[in-house]
Amino acid sequence: TMAAAAETFKALHPREYLHRFLEAKTRPDGRELTSFRKTSTNMGSIGTAIGSCLVRIGDTSVICGIQAEYSDPPISKPNSGWLVPNVTLSPMCSPTIRPGPPSLQAQVLTDFLVKLCDSCGVLDLEQLNIIPGKLSWVLYADIICINSNGNVTDACLLAFVGALMNARLPLTGESDGGLPEVLASTRPLPLLRTPLAVSFGLFEHNVLADTTAEEEALIEGSVTIVIDETGQLCGVHTPTPGLVGFTTKATVSPPVLKDCMARARQRSHELLALLNKASQ
């Protein structure tokens, strides 16, 4: 049959298979080159977390849960607290992930989120302080990829920000020399900025928005643009060489980057609207 012949050609000549689709200005899943997959967010899906968010971008699913624990404040910032994101890509989410220590991709994604928190100022960490110089909250944000079918970076940041928006920190009582009592009442954690990632893949002078896993195995480069709720640029991220599916054969020219920026701003508005609707 025609379908079987197409699948055979795809398996034997994956680059040529993608090339022929892109020549016709379409993609194997039927999208236009700069179209994004259906995206959804669901907040508060983990009852044991102080904040959580489940994100689906196409067949990619990521969930983030936040836990709060007592901790010593940072020595350099005694009136501050801690925000610790960590990304887990389990072997169940993708056949390219092997059991064992965290994969390079998981480490790069965690590093991306840590640096973004520092450079972008997502949260005022002073609101996590309980007793200046003595006691603070540490927020552990566990971001777990349930199913990976491309563009995990955008999904991880969206789930992380959504969980922070959903989070409610317990109030504390008097300490009487020991640890303060955790009260039943809670308070929200206002965000200073709401950074959202929008990623593009590069293949033979084509720019592909929101790449699938099959496309990521073939693209020659990629760029992730992080935009906040006001449209301001928070950063431009290019994956580290050596990641599965990513190479450094392609560079992003200024005109291409400008076009990606414009599309990223439009996409970030859509993502922010999804988060605001889910938080109501």
Protein backbone atom coordinates (compact mmCIF):
# COMPACT_ATOMS: atom_id res chain seq x y z
CA THR A 1 0.00 0.00 0.00
CA MET A 2 0.98 3.66 -0.32
CA ALA A 3 1.12 4.08 3.47
CA ALA A 4 3.47 1.12 3.89
CA ALA A 5 5.69 2.39 1.07
CA ALA A 6 5.85 5.84 2.71
CA GLU A 7 6.81 4.32 6.07
CA THR A 8 9.54 2.26 4.41
CA PHE A 9 10.92 5.32 2.61
CA LYS A 10 10.80 7.26 5.88
CA ALA A 11 12.78 4.55 7.69
CA LEU A 12 15.41 4.26 4.94
CA HIS A 13 15.73 7.95 4.02
CA PRO A 14 14.48 10.06 6.95
CA ARG A 15 16.21 13.30 5.84
CA GLU A 16 14.89 13.06 2.29
CA TYR A 17 11.44 12.20 3.68
CA LEU A 18 11.39 15.42 5.75
CA HIS A 19 12.97 17.41 2.90
CA ARG A 20 10.16 16.52 0.49
CA PHE A 21 7.51 17.63 2.96
CA LEU A 22 9.29 20.93 3.63
CA GLU A 23 9.63 21.57 -0.11
CA ALA A 24 5.82 21.50 -0.20
CA LYS A 25 5.77 23.95 2.76
CA THR A 26 4.21 21.43 5.12
CA ARG A 27 5.37 18.95 7.74
CA PRO A 28 4.82 15.21 8.23
CA ASP A 29 2.14 15.85 10.91
CA GLY A 30 0.26 18.24 8.60
CA ARG A 31 1.29 21.49 10.28
CA GLU A 32 2.68 24.55 8.56
CA LEU A 33 6.39 25.17 9.19
CA THR A 34 5.81 27.80 11.88
CA SER A 35 2.67 26.31 13.44
CA PHE A 36 2.59 25.03 17.02
CA ARG A 37 0.90 21.90 18.30
CA LYS A 38 -2.17 21.98 20.51
CA THR A 39 -1.12 23.05 24.01
CA SER A 40 -2.94 22.65 27.32
CA THR A 41 -2.20 23.36 30.98
CA ASN A 42 -3.83 21.96 34.11
CA MET A 43 -2.92 23.42 37.51
CA GLY A 44 -3.28 21.79 40.93
CA SER A 45 -3.18 18.21 39.64
CA ILE A 46 -0.86 16.96 42.45
CA GLY A 47 -2.68 17.11 45.79
CA THR A 48 0.45 16.56 47.91
CA ALA A 49 2.36 19.49 46.36
CA ILE A 50 2.00 23.17 47.37
CA GLY A 51 1.78 23.94 43.65
CA SER A 52 1.67 21.87 40.47
CA CYS A 53 1.04 22.11 36.75
CA LEU A 54 0.58 19.53 34.01
CA VAL A 55 1.49 20.66 30.48
CA ARG A 56 0.80 18.97 27.15
CA ILE A 57 2.32 20.19 23.90
CA GLY A 58 1.15 17.75 21.26
CA ASP A 59 2.20 14.32 22.55
CA THR A 60 4.82 15.78 24.90
CA SER A 61 3.66 15.77 28.53
CA VAL A 62 5.50 17.34 31.47
CA ILE A 63 4.38 17.75 35.07
CA CYS A 64 5.90 19.97 37.77
CA GLY A 65 5.25 19.63 41.50
CA ILE A 66 6.62 21.98 44.17
CA GLN A 67 7.43 21.00 47.74
CA ALA A 68 8.45 23.40 50.54
CA GLU A 69 10.87 22.55 53.35
CA TYR A 70 12.69 24.45 56.08
CA SER A 71 16.30 25.39 55.35
CA ASP A 72 19.13 27.66 56.42
CA PRO A 73 19.10 30.84 54.33
CA PRO A 74 21.95 31.44 51.85
CA ILE A 75 25.04 32.74 53.66
CA SER A 76 25.44 35.58 51.16
CA LYS A 77 21.73 36.51 51.39
CA PRO A 78 20.54 35.89 54.98
CA ASN A 79 17.12 37.43 54.28
CA SER A 80 16.46 35.17 51.30
CA GLY A 81 15.31 31.64 50.52
CA TRP A 82 15.91 28.99 47.86
CA LEU A 83 14.24 27.94 44.59
CA VAL A 84 15.63 24.65 43.28
CA PRO A 85 14.32 23.31 39.93
CA ASN A 86 15.27 19.81 38.78
CA VAL A 87 14.32 18.11 35.51
CA THR A 88 13.90 14.32 35.27
CA LEU A 89 13.71 12.50 31.93
CA SER A 90 12.92 8.89 32.78
CA PRO A 91 13.46 5.97 30.35
CA MET A 92 9.67 5.64 30.21
CA CYS A 93 9.27 8.99 28.46
CA SER A 94 11.47 8.22 25.43
CA PRO A 95 13.35 5.27 23.90
CA THR A 96 16.42 7.53 23.60
CA ILE A 97 16.71 7.85 27.41
CA ARG A 98 18.63 5.06 29.12
CA PRO A 99 18.37 3.97 32.78
CA GLY A 100 21.04 5.27 35.11
CA PRO A 101 22.25 8.73 36.14
CA PRO A 102 20.52 11.84 34.76
CA SER A 103 20.96 12.16 31.01
CA LEU A 104 22.90 15.05 29.50
CA GLN A 105 19.64 16.51 28.20
CA ALA A 106 18.11 16.47 31.71
CA GLN A 107 21.21 18.15 33.15
CA VAL A 108 21.18 20.83 30.43
CA LEU A 109 17.46 21.51 31.00
CA THR A 110 17.99 21.80 34.77
CA ASP A 111 20.93 24.15 34.22
CA PHE A 112 18.81 26.20 31.80
CA LEU A 113 16.08 26.66 34.44
CA VAL A 114 18.54 27.44 37.27
CA LYS A 115 20.30 30.12 35.20
CA LEU A 116 16.97 31.53 34.04
CA CYS A 117 15.79 31.89 37.66
CA ASP A 118 19.00 33.78 38.49
CA SER A 119 19.13 36.03 35.42
CA CYS A 120 15.43 36.66 34.93
CA GLY A 121 14.40 37.14 38.58
CA VAL A 122 11.27 34.99 38.38
CA LEU A 123 10.58 35.07 42.11
CA ASP A 124 11.50 37.48 44.92
CA LEU A 125 13.37 35.00 47.10
CA GLU A 126 13.10 37.31 50.12
CA GLN A 127 9.44 36.29 50.42
CA LEU A 128 10.74 32.80 51.26
CA ASN A 129 12.52 34.02 54.40
CA ILE A 130 10.98 33.13 57.77
CA ILE A 131 13.54 34.29 60.37
CA PRO A 132 16.25 36.59 58.95
CA GLY A 133 19.64 34.91 59.09
CA LYS A 134 18.21 31.77 60.67
CA LEU A 135 15.39 30.10 58.73
CA SER A 136 13.96 30.13 55.22
CA TRP A 137 11.82 28.07 52.88
CA VAL A 138 13.45 26.04 50.14
CA LEU A 139 11.15 25.28 47.22
CA TYR A 140 11.98 22.07 45.37
CA ALA A 141 10.43 22.14 41.88
CA ASP A 142 10.49 18.60 40.46
CA ILE A 143 9.82 18.70 36.73
CA ILE A 144 9.16 15.24 35.29
CA CYS A 145 8.74 14.43 31.61
CA ILE A 146 5.97 11.85 31.29
CA ASN A 147 6.15 11.53 27.51
CA SER A 148 8.73 13.09 25.21
CA ASN A 149 7.80 13.78 21.61
CA GLY A 150 9.89 16.88 21.00
CA ASN A 151 10.16 20.41 22.40
CA VAL A 152 10.63 19.33 26.00
CA THR A 153 12.34 22.66 26.80
CA ASP A 154 9.20 24.74 26.23
CA ALA A 155 7.05 22.24 28.14
CA CYS A 156 9.42 22.16 31.15
CA LEU A 157 9.52 25.95 31.57
CA LEU A 158 5.75 26.24 31.04
CA ALA A 159 5.08 23.57 33.71
CA PHE A 160 7.61 25.19 36.08
CA VAL A 161 6.09 28.67 35.77
CA GLY A 162 2.57 27.24 35.99
CA ALA A 163 3.39 25.39 39.21
CA LEU A 164 4.84 28.59 40.73
CA MET A 165 1.67 30.48 39.77
CA ASN A 166 -0.38 27.72 41.41
CA ALA A 167 1.79 27.49 44.54
CA ARG A 168 0.53 28.53 47.98
CA LEU A 169 3.10 28.72 50.77
CA PRO A 170 2.03 27.77 54.31
CA LEU A 171 2.03 30.56 56.88
CA THR A 172 4.11 30.00 60.01
CA GLY A 173 3.41 30.75 63.68
CA GLU A 174 5.68 31.76 66.56
CA SER A 175 8.89 29.77 67.00
CA ASP A 176 9.43 29.66 70.86
CA GLY A 177 13.08 28.86 70.25
CA GLY A 178 12.37 25.86 68.01
CA LEU A 179 11.05 25.53 64.48
CA PRO A 180 7.99 27.66 63.77
CA GLU A 181 4.63 25.94 63.65
CA VAL A 182 3.21 25.46 60.14
CA LEU A 183 -0.28 26.93 60.05
CA ALA A 184 -3.22 25.71 58.00
CA SER A 185 -3.58 29.02 56.16
CA THR A 186 -1.50 29.74 53.05
CA ARG A 187 -0.44 32.64 50.85
CA PRO A 188 0.31 32.86 47.12
CA LEU A 189 3.77 33.49 45.69
CA PRO A 190 3.60 36.55 43.40
CA LEU A 191 5.98 36.23 40.46
CA LEU A 192 8.19 39.14 39.48
CA ARG A 193 8.34 37.93 35.88
CA THR A 194 6.68 35.16 33.87
CA PRO A 195 9.28 33.82 31.42
CA LEU A 196 8.03 31.51 28.66
CA ALA A 197 10.14 29.57 26.17
CA VAL A 198 9.48 29.27 22.44
CA SER A 199 11.77 26.91 20.49
CA PHE A 200 12.55 26.59 16.79
CA GLY A 201 14.48 23.97 14.81
CA LEU A 202 16.65 24.67 11.76
CA PHE A 203 16.68 22.31 8.78
CA GLU A 204 18.03 23.19 5.32
CA HIS A 205 17.28 26.94 5.64
CA ASN A 206 13.82 26.16 7.01
CA VAL A 207 12.67 27.30 10.46
CA LEU A 208 10.39 24.78 12.19
CA ALA A 209 8.37 25.83 15.24
CA ASP A 210 7.70 23.35 18.04
CA THR A 211 9.64 20.38 16.63
CA THR A 212 8.61 16.76 17.17
CA ALA A 213 11.06 14.08 18.32
CA GLU A 214 11.41 12.78 14.72
CA GLU A 215 12.23 16.29 13.48
CA GLU A 216 14.68 16.88 16.35
CA ALA A 217 16.63 13.80 15.30
CA LEU A 218 17.23 15.43 11.90
CA ILE A 219 17.49 19.18 12.46
CA GLU A 220 20.85 20.91 12.09
CA GLY A 221 20.43 23.34 14.97
CA SER A 222 17.88 24.96 17.24
CA VAL A 223 17.20 28.12 19.19
CA THR A 224 14.99 28.77 22.23
CA ILE A 225 13.79 32.32 22.85
CA VAL A 226 12.54 33.23 26.32
CA ILE A 227 10.05 36.09 26.53
CA ASP A 228 8.35 37.48 29.66
CA GLU A 229 4.77 38.66 30.10
CA THR A 230 5.58 42.20 28.88
CA GLY A 231 7.21 40.97 25.67
CA GLN A 232 10.73 41.65 26.99
CA LEU A 233 13.51 39.25 26.03
CA CYS A 234 14.77 37.15 28.96
CA GLY A 235 17.35 35.20 26.99
CA VAL A 236 18.28 33.18 23.91
CA HIS A 237 19.25 29.56 24.53
CA THR A 238 21.00 27.20 22.14
CA PRO A 239 21.36 23.56 23.23
CA THR A 240 24.79 22.28 24.16
CA PRO A 241 26.60 20.28 21.46
CA GLY A 242 26.31 16.58 22.07
CA LEU A 243 22.62 16.45 22.93
CA VAL A 244 20.66 13.73 21.19
CA GLY A 245 19.24 15.19 17.99
CA PHE A 246 21.17 18.45 18.18
CA THR A 247 24.30 19.48 16.32
CA THR A 248 25.98 22.80 15.62
CA LYS A 249 25.95 22.60 11.81
CA ALA A 250 23.50 25.47 11.51
CA THR A 251 23.86 29.01 12.80
CA VAL A 252 21.01 31.44 13.34
CA SER A 253 21.33 34.44 11.01
CA PRO A 254 20.09 37.87 12.23
CA PRO A 255 17.05 37.91 9.87
CA VAL A 256 16.03 34.42 10.99
CA LEU A 257 16.51 35.35 14.65
CA LYS A 258 14.40 38.50 14.18
CA ASP A 259 11.60 36.44 12.62
CA CYS A 260 11.81 33.89 15.46
CA MET A 261 11.64 36.72 18.02
CA ALA A 262 8.43 38.06 16.50
CA ARG A 263 6.84 34.61 16.43
CA ALA A 264 8.05 33.94 19.99
CA ARG A 265 6.34 37.10 21.26
CA GLN A 266 3.05 36.08 19.67
CA ARG A 267 3.35 32.53 21.01
CA SER A 268 4.24 33.75 24.52
CA HIS A 269 0.99 35.76 24.63
CA GLU A 270 -0.94 32.57 23.82
CA LEU A 271 0.91 30.58 26.50
CA LEU A 272 0.36 33.30 29.10
CA ALA A 273 -3.35 33.30 28.32
CA LEU A 274 -3.41 29.51 28.85
CA LEU A 275 -1.73 29.88 32.25
CA ASN A 276 -4.02 32.71 33.34
CA LYS A 277 -7.10 30.71 32.35
CA ALA A 278 -5.82 27.60 34.19
CA SER A 279 -5.12 29.64 37.34
CA GLN A 280 -8.65 31.00 37.61
